[in-house]
Amino acid sequence: MAQRRRKKHTTPEMFQPEPVRGTITIERLAHGGYGVGYLNGLAVFVPRTAPGDIVEVEMTETKRRYAFGTLLALQQASPDRVPAPCPLYDRCGGCHVQHLPYTYQLAHKTTQVREALARIGKLPDVPVASMQESPQPFGYRNKVLYHYDSARGALGLVARGEGQILDMPHCLINDPRADAIMARMRTLLETYPLLQRVLHQVQVQVGQRTGESLVTVFVHTAPPATLLQQLWDGVRDRATGLFVHVKARETPELFSGTTSHVAGATVIHEQVGPWRFRIEPQAFFQVNTVQMEHLYDLVSEAAALQGDEIVFDLYSGGGTIALTLAPSCRTVHAVEWSRQATLLATQQAAELGVSNCQFRTGKVERIVQRYLAEGIRADVAVLDPPRAGCLPDALQALALMRVPRLVYVSCSPPTLARDLRVLHDLGYRTTHVQPVDMFSHTYHIECVATLVRG
C-alpha cells in the first residue's frame, strides 16, 4: 500500500527571498536619469549614479530582463560626478541628475532623444539638434505644489521612493517667491491648529515677469470663513490672490472638488515675449517662463507661416500657442478637452484683441475627424499633447486631411518616438527635432519636432 505524502506546511517567510546585493560598474545613463550597470548578466537601473561609478547596490524590483536597485555605497566615484548643491537631493524626488555637471546633463538628454527615436521609433536617421540649454538652470519653476503631512507637521515636497513629505524651507529649482509664501504658510500652520486639521496641499503660481502670485489651498473639508480670512491676512503681502479647493474625494487628479475664490485677484499674468497671458489655478502653463519663450519661438520657426495659412492647434490648453501664431496666419482652430481651459483661452484672446482664433472643447481625435467631415482643412497642425502622447485616431485624421506640415511639441521622448513612427508610416517625414531643457536637473525633456508630408 502506497504511503500518503505528508503535506508540507509553508510560512510567509519561506516566500521571501533574500535581497540580492552586489557591486556593479555604471556604464551608461538611461531614461529617467537611472545609471545602468550589470549584475550576473542582468541590467540594473540605479538612481543617483553616474557612468564610471562603482557602486554597491541592492535589488528592489526584479523583472525577467532587468532590475531596479538602490544605492547602498559609492565605492568609487565617477570622474564626471559632482557634489549635488541641494542638501536634500539624496532624499527628495524632485530632481534626478544634480550629481552631474549641467553640460553633462545637456549632452545626456540629447543622447536620450536620439536613442528613443532609434530604439522605439526605428528612426535612426532623424536629425536631432543639441539640447538648447537654459539660461536659468536654478530658480526656474513658476508653479509648485507643496504637500502637507499633518501627522509630522511637514509642509514640502515628496521624498523619493517612500512617499514621506520633506519639510523643505528652500528648493533650488523653485522661484524663491514661492518658497517665501511657503515660509508664511508654515507660520500660519503653527498659529492656527484648525488649519493643521484640514490642510492637504498648497499650490503656488508665480508670474516671474510681472511679480504676481496666486495661492490655492487644498483642504479635506471646507474651513470656516474666519480661517480663510486669517489665511488671506497672513499671505496678502506676498500673494496677489487666494483660492481654496475642497477635495471631494482622494484621487490622483489634483482638482477633484469645488474651487472658490477667497480674496485678491482671480487671475495673475505672465509676460512671454510681447504677450501678456492670464494664469488661473487650474490652467496649464509651462513651468519655465524663460524657456517657454524660447520654445514658442521654435514652434513659430517650425510652422514657417507666411500669413495666409489655416492652422490647427491641438491640445491647445489655455491657448498660448494659438495666440502666438495668430498674427502670422489667417485662422487658428484650437482644440482642447478642458472646458475651463477653453474659456480661459477665449478670455485671453479678447484681452489681447485677437479675433482669428476659434476655440473648441472636446477630444482631439473626435474634433479633428469632425473637421475632416466638415471639409475644414489645415496647412499646418501643431500638436502639444500630454505625456501620454496622441491617440492614433488623431494622427490618422491629420494624414487623411493630407496636412502638409506638422509641428509636434512633446514632453516625453519615448511617446514622441512612438508617434513619429506612426506618422512616418502615414506618410510624414521628420526633418528636425530640437530638444529644449525646460526642466533642468531633472530627467524630463521637451522637444519640438518638424514633419512634412511626402
Protein backbone atom coordinates (compact mmCIF):
# COMPACT_ATOMS: atom_id res chain seq x y z
CA MET A 1 0.00 0.00 0.00
CA ALA A 2 1.47 3.37 -1.02
CA GLN A 3 2.23 5.77 1.77
CA ARG A 4 0.42 9.09 1.79
CA ARG A 5 2.75 12.02 1.18
CA ARG A 6 2.83 14.31 4.16
CA LYS A 7 1.53 17.80 3.40
CA LYS A 8 4.27 20.40 3.59
CA HIS A 9 3.27 23.49 5.53
CA THR A 10 4.74 26.77 4.39
CA THR A 11 5.04 30.07 6.13
CA PRO A 12 5.10 33.58 4.61
CA GLU A 13 8.79 33.80 5.43
CA MET A 14 9.50 30.92 3.04
CA PHE A 15 8.26 33.01 0.12
CA GLN A 16 10.51 35.99 0.89
CA PRO A 17 13.82 35.63 -0.98
CA GLU A 18 16.88 37.26 0.47
CA PRO A 19 17.59 40.66 -1.06
CA VAL A 20 20.18 40.39 -3.82
CA ARG A 21 23.19 42.62 -3.33
CA GLY A 22 26.25 43.14 -5.43
CA THR A 23 28.85 45.53 -6.78
CA ILE A 24 28.45 46.92 -10.28
CA THR A 25 30.07 49.50 -12.54
CA ILE A 26 27.67 52.03 -14.02
CA GLU A 27 28.16 52.03 -17.78
CA ARG A 28 25.57 54.48 -19.11
CA LEU A 29 22.57 56.63 -18.29
CA ALA A 30 19.04 55.63 -19.25
CA HIS A 31 15.70 57.41 -19.50
CA GLY A 32 14.55 58.53 -16.07
CA GLY A 33 18.05 59.54 -15.02
CA TYR A 34 18.96 55.97 -13.99
CA GLY A 35 22.51 54.73 -14.17
CA VAL A 36 22.76 51.25 -15.72
CA GLY A 37 25.17 48.51 -14.72
CA TYR A 38 25.12 44.71 -14.97
CA LEU A 39 24.98 42.04 -12.28
CA ASN A 40 25.06 38.39 -13.36
CA GLY A 41 24.07 39.44 -16.87
CA LEU A 42 21.06 41.40 -15.65
CA ALA A 43 20.74 45.13 -16.40
CA VAL A 44 20.31 47.01 -13.12
CA PHE A 45 18.86 50.55 -13.08
CA VAL A 46 20.12 52.62 -10.15
CA PRO A 47 19.09 56.24 -9.44
CA ARG A 48 21.59 58.95 -8.48
CA THR A 49 24.50 57.19 -10.18
CA ALA A 50 26.85 58.28 -12.98
CA PRO A 51 28.76 56.42 -15.71
CA GLY A 52 32.05 55.34 -14.17
CA ASP A 53 30.69 54.92 -10.64
CA ILE A 54 31.49 51.65 -8.89
CA VAL A 55 28.61 51.07 -6.51
CA GLU A 56 27.21 48.52 -4.12
CA VAL A 57 23.51 48.03 -4.83
CA GLU A 58 20.54 46.11 -3.50
CA MET A 59 17.80 44.91 -5.83
CA THR A 60 14.40 46.42 -5.08
CA GLU A 61 12.45 45.03 -8.04
CA THR A 62 13.47 42.26 -10.42
CA LYS A 63 11.99 41.53 -13.83
CA ARG A 64 12.92 38.86 -16.37
CA ARG A 65 15.44 41.00 -18.26
CA TYR A 66 16.24 43.86 -15.89
CA ALA A 67 16.04 45.03 -12.31
CA PHE A 68 15.86 48.20 -10.26
CA GLY A 69 18.27 48.73 -7.41
CA THR A 70 19.04 51.19 -4.69
CA LEU A 71 22.47 52.63 -3.98
CA LEU A 72 23.96 51.23 -0.76
CA ALA A 73 27.51 52.56 -1.04
CA LEU A 74 29.57 54.54 -3.53
CA GLN A 75 32.83 52.58 -3.64
CA GLN A 76 34.49 54.64 -6.35
CA ALA A 77 33.11 57.88 -7.77
CA SER A 78 32.97 58.64 -11.47
CA PRO A 79 35.26 61.50 -12.60
CA ASP A 80 32.09 63.10 -14.00
CA ARG A 81 30.32 63.17 -10.63
CA VAL A 82 29.96 66.50 -8.78
CA PRO A 83 28.55 67.29 -5.33
CA ALA A 84 24.82 67.99 -5.53
CA PRO A 85 24.11 71.59 -4.48
CA CYS A 86 20.88 70.63 -2.68
CA PRO A 87 21.43 69.14 0.81
CA LEU A 88 18.25 67.03 0.46
CA TYR A 89 18.99 65.79 -3.06
CA ASP A 90 19.56 62.17 -1.98
CA ARG A 91 16.10 62.06 -0.38
CA CYS A 92 13.92 64.36 -2.50
CA GLY A 93 12.06 63.07 -5.55
CA GLY A 94 12.04 66.38 -7.42
CA CYS A 95 15.47 66.34 -9.09
CA HIS A 96 17.26 63.37 -10.66
CA VAL A 97 20.63 64.47 -12.08
CA GLN A 98 22.01 67.19 -9.78
CA HIS A 99 25.06 64.95 -9.25
CA LEU A 100 26.10 65.63 -12.86
CA PRO A 101 27.53 68.87 -14.30
CA TYR A 102 24.98 70.88 -16.23
CA THR A 103 26.84 70.48 -19.54
CA TYR A 104 26.84 66.70 -18.97
CA GLN A 105 23.09 66.77 -18.32
CA LEU A 106 22.52 68.52 -21.65
CA ALA A 107 24.63 66.03 -23.59
CA HIS A 108 22.92 63.10 -21.85
CA LYS A 109 19.44 64.42 -22.66
CA THR A 110 20.36 64.89 -26.32
CA THR A 111 21.55 61.29 -26.41
CA GLN A 112 18.32 60.13 -24.77
CA VAL A 113 16.26 61.72 -27.54
CA ARG A 114 18.38 60.16 -30.28
CA GLU A 115 18.27 56.74 -28.64
CA ALA A 116 14.47 56.90 -28.18
CA LEU A 117 13.97 57.75 -31.85
CA ALA A 118 16.27 54.92 -32.94
CA ARG A 119 15.15 52.25 -30.46
CA ILE A 120 11.42 52.97 -30.07
CA GLY A 121 10.61 54.82 -33.29
CA LYS A 122 13.04 52.90 -35.51
CA LEU A 123 14.03 56.29 -36.92
CA PRO A 124 17.82 56.40 -36.55
CA ASP A 125 18.33 58.95 -39.34
CA VAL A 126 16.14 61.74 -37.95
CA PRO A 127 18.30 64.87 -37.41
CA VAL A 128 18.38 65.75 -33.68
CA ALA A 129 19.99 69.04 -32.71
CA SER A 130 21.94 69.52 -29.49
CA MET A 131 19.87 70.33 -26.42
CA GLN A 132 19.05 74.02 -26.11
CA GLU A 133 20.38 74.95 -22.69
CA SER A 134 18.55 77.05 -20.16
CA PRO A 135 19.98 80.45 -19.22
CA GLN A 136 18.47 79.87 -15.76
CA PRO A 137 19.02 76.26 -14.59
CA PHE A 138 18.04 77.12 -10.98
CA GLY A 139 15.05 79.03 -9.63
CA TYR A 140 13.08 78.49 -12.84
CA ARG A 141 9.87 76.78 -11.66
CA ASN A 142 6.97 79.23 -11.70
CA LYS A 143 4.48 76.69 -10.34
CA VAL A 144 4.97 74.49 -7.27
CA LEU A 145 2.72 72.04 -5.43
CA TYR A 146 3.55 71.52 -1.75
CA HIS A 147 2.14 68.63 0.28
CA TYR A 148 1.22 68.63 3.96
CA ASP A 149 1.68 65.73 6.40
CA SER A 150 -0.47 66.53 9.43
CA ALA A 151 0.99 63.65 11.46
CA ARG A 152 4.51 65.04 11.20
CA GLY A 153 3.63 68.69 10.64
CA ALA A 154 5.73 68.71 7.46
CA LEU A 155 4.96 71.03 4.52
CA GLY A 156 7.12 70.41 1.48
CA LEU A 157 7.89 68.02 -1.37
CA VAL A 158 7.55 64.25 -1.66
CA ALA A 159 10.58 62.15 -0.76
CA ARG A 160 11.96 59.77 -3.37
CA GLY A 161 10.54 56.28 -3.25
CA GLU A 162 8.93 56.47 0.18
CA GLY A 163 6.04 58.92 -0.05
CA GLN A 164 7.20 60.83 3.02
CA ILE A 165 6.89 64.61 2.96
CA LEU A 166 10.16 66.51 3.31
CA ASP A 167 9.82 69.78 5.20
CA MET A 168 11.89 71.85 2.76
CA PRO A 169 12.43 75.53 3.58
CA HIS A 170 14.06 76.13 0.21
CA CYS A 171 14.10 74.34 -3.14
CA LEU A 172 16.83 75.32 -5.58
CA ILE A 173 14.75 74.92 -8.74
CA ASN A 174 11.68 76.79 -7.43
CA ASP A 175 11.12 80.50 -7.82
CA PRO A 176 12.24 81.96 -4.45
CA ARG A 177 8.94 83.84 -4.17
CA ALA A 178 7.11 80.51 -3.93
CA ASP A 179 9.38 79.44 -1.08
CA ALA A 180 8.70 82.75 0.68
CA ILE A 181 4.96 82.07 0.54
CA MET A 182 5.56 78.58 1.93
CA ALA A 183 7.53 80.06 4.83
CA ARG A 184 4.50 82.19 5.61
CA MET A 185 2.21 79.14 5.39
CA ARG A 186 4.36 77.32 7.95
CA THR A 187 3.90 80.23 10.32
CA LEU A 188 0.14 80.12 9.78
CA LEU A 189 0.11 76.37 10.47
CA GLU A 190 1.81 76.97 13.81
CA THR A 191 -0.65 79.76 14.62
CA TYR A 192 -3.95 78.09 13.67
CA PRO A 193 -4.47 74.45 14.79
CA LEU A 194 -7.62 74.18 12.70
CA LEU A 195 -5.52 74.70 9.55
CA GLN A 196 -3.40 71.72 10.58
CA ARG A 197 -6.52 69.53 10.65
CA VAL A 198 -7.90 70.48 7.23
CA LEU A 199 -4.85 71.28 5.06
CA HIS A 200 -3.91 68.86 2.28
CA GLN A 201 -1.79 70.73 -0.31
CA VAL A 202 -0.77 74.23 -1.33
CA GLN A 203 -0.23 75.35 -4.93
CA VAL A 204 1.74 78.50 -5.72
CA GLN A 205 1.85 80.06 -9.21
CA VAL A 206 4.23 82.93 -9.87
CA GLY A 207 4.26 85.41 -12.74
CA GLN A 208 8.03 85.72 -12.91
CA ARG A 209 7.97 88.75 -15.22
CA THR A 210 5.04 90.52 -13.51
CA GLY A 211 5.77 89.66 -9.87
CA GLU A 212 2.20 88.47 -9.30
CA SER A 213 1.46 85.23 -7.44
CA LEU A 214 -1.59 83.05 -6.93
CA VAL A 215 -2.08 80.69 -3.97
CA THR A 216 -4.55 77.78 -3.96
CA VAL A 217 -5.07 75.97 -0.65
CA PHE A 218 -6.38 72.38 -0.94
CA VAL A 219 -8.36 71.17 2.08
CA HIS A 220 -10.16 67.97 3.11
CA THR A 221 -13.20 69.83 4.48
CA ALA A 222 -14.48 73.35 3.97
CA PRO A 223 -12.85 75.69 6.51
CA PRO A 224 -14.85 78.43 8.25
CA ALA A 225 -14.83 81.92 6.76
CA THR A 226 -12.81 83.20 9.72
CA LEU A 227 -9.93 80.84 8.94
CA LEU A 228 -9.96 81.83 5.26
CA GLN A 229 -9.78 85.49 6.26
CA GLN A 230 -6.86 84.70 8.57
CA LEU A 231 -5.11 82.91 5.70
CA TRP A 232 -5.54 85.89 3.42
CA ASP A 233 -4.36 88.29 6.11
CA GLY A 234 -1.29 86.11 6.53
CA VAL A 235 -0.25 85.97 2.85
CA ARG A 236 -1.69 89.13 1.30
CA ASP A 237 1.64 90.97 1.39
CA ARG A 238 3.19 88.21 -0.74
CA ALA A 239 0.25 86.83 -2.76
CA THR A 240 -1.88 88.59 -5.38
CA GLY A 241 -4.86 86.26 -4.93
CA LEU A 242 -6.06 83.34 -2.81
CA PHE A 243 -8.29 80.38 -3.69
CA VAL A 244 -9.48 77.39 -1.66
CA HIS A 245 -10.26 73.98 -3.17
CA VAL A 246 -12.31 71.49 -1.14
CA LYS A 247 -11.40 67.96 -2.23
CA ALA A 248 -14.50 65.86 -2.91
CA ARG A 249 -12.54 62.60 -2.99
CA GLU A 250 -8.99 61.31 -2.88
CA THR A 251 -7.84 60.84 -6.48
CA PRO A 252 -4.58 61.37 -8.37
CA GLU A 253 -6.35 64.27 -10.07
CA LEU A 254 -5.38 67.49 -8.32
CA PHE A 255 -8.68 69.32 -8.77
CA SER A 256 -11.45 66.92 -7.75
CA GLY A 257 -13.91 69.13 -5.92
CA THR A 258 -15.02 72.75 -5.61
CA THR A 259 -12.73 75.74 -6.11
CA SER A 260 -13.71 79.07 -4.53
CA HIS A 261 -12.12 82.49 -4.72
CA VAL A 262 -11.26 83.81 -1.25
CA ALA A 263 -9.71 87.25 -1.77
CA GLY A 264 -7.45 89.32 -4.00
CA ALA A 265 -7.15 88.80 -7.75
CA THR A 266 -8.91 85.96 -9.55
CA VAL A 267 -6.10 85.66 -12.11
CA ILE A 268 -2.45 86.61 -12.41
CA HIS A 269 -0.48 87.40 -15.55
CA GLU A 270 2.82 86.47 -17.13
CA GLN A 271 4.71 88.25 -19.90
CA VAL A 272 6.01 85.95 -22.64
CA GLY A 273 7.60 87.95 -25.42
CA PRO A 274 5.05 90.60 -26.46
CA TRP A 275 2.17 88.58 -24.96
CA ARG A 276 0.61 89.07 -21.53
CA PHE A 277 -1.09 85.80 -20.62
CA ARG A 278 -3.66 85.07 -17.90
CA ILE A 279 -3.00 82.32 -15.34
CA GLU A 280 -5.76 80.67 -13.31
CA PRO A 281 -5.48 77.95 -10.63
CA GLN A 282 -6.46 75.09 -12.96
CA ALA A 283 -4.84 76.41 -16.14
CA PHE A 284 -1.92 74.64 -17.78
CA PHE A 285 1.05 76.94 -18.19
CA GLN A 286 4.65 75.95 -18.90
CA VAL A 287 6.58 75.89 -15.61
CA ASN A 288 9.68 77.57 -17.05
CA THR A 289 8.87 81.07 -18.30
CA VAL A 290 12.27 81.80 -19.87
CA GLN A 291 12.39 78.54 -21.81
CA MET A 292 8.71 78.82 -22.70
CA GLU A 293 9.59 81.93 -24.65
CA HIS A 294 12.34 80.04 -26.50
CA LEU A 295 10.02 77.07 -27.06
CA TYR A 296 7.36 79.22 -28.71
CA ASP A 297 9.98 80.84 -30.93
CA LEU A 298 10.95 77.34 -32.08
CA VAL A 299 7.30 76.45 -32.76
CA SER A 300 6.85 79.60 -34.82
CA GLU A 301 10.03 78.87 -36.76
CA ALA A 302 8.97 75.27 -37.40
CA ALA A 303 5.48 76.32 -38.52
CA ALA A 304 7.05 78.62 -41.16
CA LEU A 305 3.86 80.66 -41.57
CA GLN A 306 3.57 83.14 -44.45
CA GLY A 307 0.35 84.90 -43.40
CA ASP A 308 -2.49 83.10 -45.21
CA GLU A 309 -2.44 79.63 -43.64
CA ILE A 310 -5.15 77.80 -41.70
CA VAL A 311 -3.57 76.34 -38.54
CA PHE A 312 -4.73 73.64 -36.14
CA ASP A 313 -3.54 73.98 -32.53
CA LEU A 314 -4.35 70.60 -30.98
CA TYR A 315 -4.23 70.01 -27.21
CA SER A 316 -4.24 73.79 -27.00
CA GLY A 317 -4.61 74.24 -23.22
CA GLY A 318 -5.07 77.90 -22.38
CA GLY A 319 -4.44 78.90 -25.98
CA THR A 320 -0.95 80.31 -25.58
CA ILE A 321 0.47 78.70 -28.74
CA ALA A 322 -2.64 79.57 -30.78
CA LEU A 323 -2.43 83.19 -29.70
CA THR A 324 1.27 83.49 -30.51
CA LEU A 325 0.72 82.07 -34.00
CA ALA A 326 -2.47 84.02 -34.77
CA PRO A 327 -0.80 87.22 -36.10
CA SER A 328 1.15 85.16 -38.66
CA CYS A 329 -1.73 83.23 -40.27
CA ARG A 330 -5.32 83.55 -41.49
CA THR A 331 -7.13 81.39 -38.87
CA VAL A 332 -6.28 79.15 -35.94
CA HIS A 333 -8.62 76.31 -34.96
CA ALA A 334 -7.69 75.37 -31.38
CA VAL A 335 -8.94 72.18 -29.71
CA GLU A 336 -8.73 71.34 -26.00
CA TRP A 337 -10.64 68.78 -23.91
CA SER A 338 -10.88 71.02 -20.79
CA ARG A 339 -13.82 73.42 -20.87
CA GLN A 340 -12.15 75.59 -18.25
CA ALA A 341 -9.03 75.93 -20.42
CA THR A 342 -11.12 76.80 -23.48
CA LEU A 343 -12.91 79.56 -21.56
CA LEU A 344 -9.57 80.91 -20.40
CA ALA A 345 -8.25 80.90 -23.98
CA THR A 346 -11.32 82.77 -25.20
CA GLN A 347 -10.88 85.39 -22.49
CA GLN A 348 -7.19 85.74 -23.29
CA ALA A 349 -7.96 86.26 -26.99
CA ALA A 350 -10.45 89.01 -26.12
CA GLU A 351 -7.95 90.72 -23.80
CA LEU A 352 -5.23 90.62 -26.46
CA GLY A 353 -7.51 91.74 -29.28
CA VAL A 354 -7.00 88.51 -31.26
CA SER A 355 -10.03 87.74 -33.44
CA ASN A 356 -8.84 84.98 -35.77
CA CYS A 357 -8.73 82.14 -33.21
CA GLN A 358 -11.62 79.68 -32.84
CA PHE A 359 -11.50 77.63 -29.65
CA ARG A 360 -13.35 74.33 -29.38
CA THR A 361 -13.81 71.96 -26.45
CA GLY A 362 -13.63 68.21 -26.97
CA LYS A 363 -11.36 65.25 -27.52
CA VAL A 364 -8.81 66.00 -30.21
CA GLU A 365 -9.32 62.76 -32.13
CA ARG A 366 -13.09 63.38 -32.36
CA ILE A 367 -12.89 67.08 -33.25
CA VAL A 368 -10.27 66.50 -35.97
CA GLN A 369 -12.42 63.78 -37.50
CA ARG A 370 -15.35 66.23 -37.37
CA TYR A 371 -13.23 68.85 -39.14
CA LEU A 372 -12.46 66.22 -41.77
CA ALA A 373 -16.18 65.52 -42.27
CA GLU A 374 -16.99 69.25 -42.38
CA GLY A 375 -14.36 69.90 -45.02
CA ILE A 376 -12.14 72.03 -42.78
CA ARG A 377 -8.50 71.59 -43.75
CA ALA A 378 -5.24 72.86 -42.26
CA ASP A 379 -2.00 73.94 -43.85
CA VAL A 380 -0.11 73.46 -40.57
CA ALA A 381 -1.05 71.49 -37.46
CA VAL A 382 0.65 72.00 -34.09
CA LEU A 383 0.31 69.16 -31.59
CA ASP A 384 1.20 69.65 -27.93
CA PRO A 385 -0.26 66.55 -26.21
CA PRO A 386 0.17 65.46 -22.59
CA ARG A 387 2.89 62.99 -21.63
CA ALA A 388 0.91 60.01 -22.95
CA GLY A 389 1.12 61.41 -26.49
CA CYS A 390 -1.52 61.31 -29.24
CA LEU A 391 -4.12 58.67 -29.95
CA PRO A 392 -3.65 57.00 -33.36
CA ASP A 393 -7.10 58.22 -34.48
CA ALA A 394 -5.97 61.85 -34.26
CA LEU A 395 -2.82 61.19 -36.28
CA GLN A 396 -4.73 59.19 -38.88
CA ALA A 397 -7.25 62.01 -39.31
CA LEU A 398 -4.44 64.50 -39.95
CA ALA A 399 -2.97 62.11 -42.52
CA LEU A 400 -6.36 61.73 -44.22
CA MET A 401 -6.53 65.54 -44.44
CA ARG A 402 -3.08 65.47 -46.00
CA VAL A 403 -1.94 68.35 -43.77
CA PRO A 404 1.34 69.42 -45.42
CA ARG A 405 3.24 70.38 -42.26
CA LEU A 406 3.14 69.22 -38.63
CA VAL A 407 4.85 70.64 -35.55
CA TYR A 408 4.90 68.22 -32.61
CA VAL A 409 5.72 69.56 -29.13
CA SER A 410 6.47 66.74 -26.68
CA CYS A 411 7.50 66.39 -23.04
CA SER A 412 8.24 62.66 -23.39
CA PRO A 413 10.86 61.33 -25.84
CA PRO A 414 9.50 57.74 -25.71
CA THR A 415 5.96 58.73 -26.71
CA LEU A 416 7.33 61.24 -29.21
CA ALA A 417 9.33 58.45 -30.85
CA ARG A 418 6.27 56.19 -30.92
CA ASP A 419 4.07 58.87 -32.53
CA LEU A 420 6.73 59.95 -35.04
CA ARG A 421 6.89 56.32 -36.14
CA VAL A 422 3.11 56.25 -36.62
CA LEU A 423 3.29 59.46 -38.64
CA HIS A 424 6.21 58.08 -40.66
CA ASP A 425 4.07 55.09 -41.63
CA LEU A 426 1.25 57.51 -42.54
CA GLY A 427 3.49 59.36 -45.00
CA TYR A 428 5.26 62.02 -42.91
CA ARG A 429 8.99 62.62 -42.74
CA THR A 430 10.54 64.11 -39.60
CA THR A 431 13.00 66.73 -40.81
CA HIS A 432 14.25 68.10 -37.49
CA VAL A 433 13.99 67.58 -33.73
CA GLN A 434 15.11 70.30 -31.31
CA PRO A 435 15.33 69.28 -27.63
CA VAL A 436 14.85 72.10 -25.10
CA ASP A 437 15.95 71.97 -21.47
CA MET A 438 12.74 73.10 -19.79
CA PHE A 439 13.34 71.08 -16.62
CA SER A 440 16.98 71.46 -15.58
CA HIS A 441 18.36 68.92 -13.06
CA THR A 442 15.50 66.52 -13.77
CA TYR A 443 15.29 63.77 -16.39
CA HIS A 444 12.37 65.46 -18.19
CA ILE A 445 12.93 66.68 -21.76
CA GLU A 446 10.88 68.93 -24.04
CA CYS A 447 11.20 68.58 -27.82
CA VAL A 448 9.93 70.36 -30.92
CA ALA A 449 9.73 68.09 -33.98
CA THR A 450 9.09 69.31 -37.52
CA LEU A 451 7.40 66.98 -40.04
CA VAL A 452 6.48 67.35 -43.70
CA ARG A 453 4.25 65.19 -45.82
CA GLY A 454 5.89 63.13 -48.55
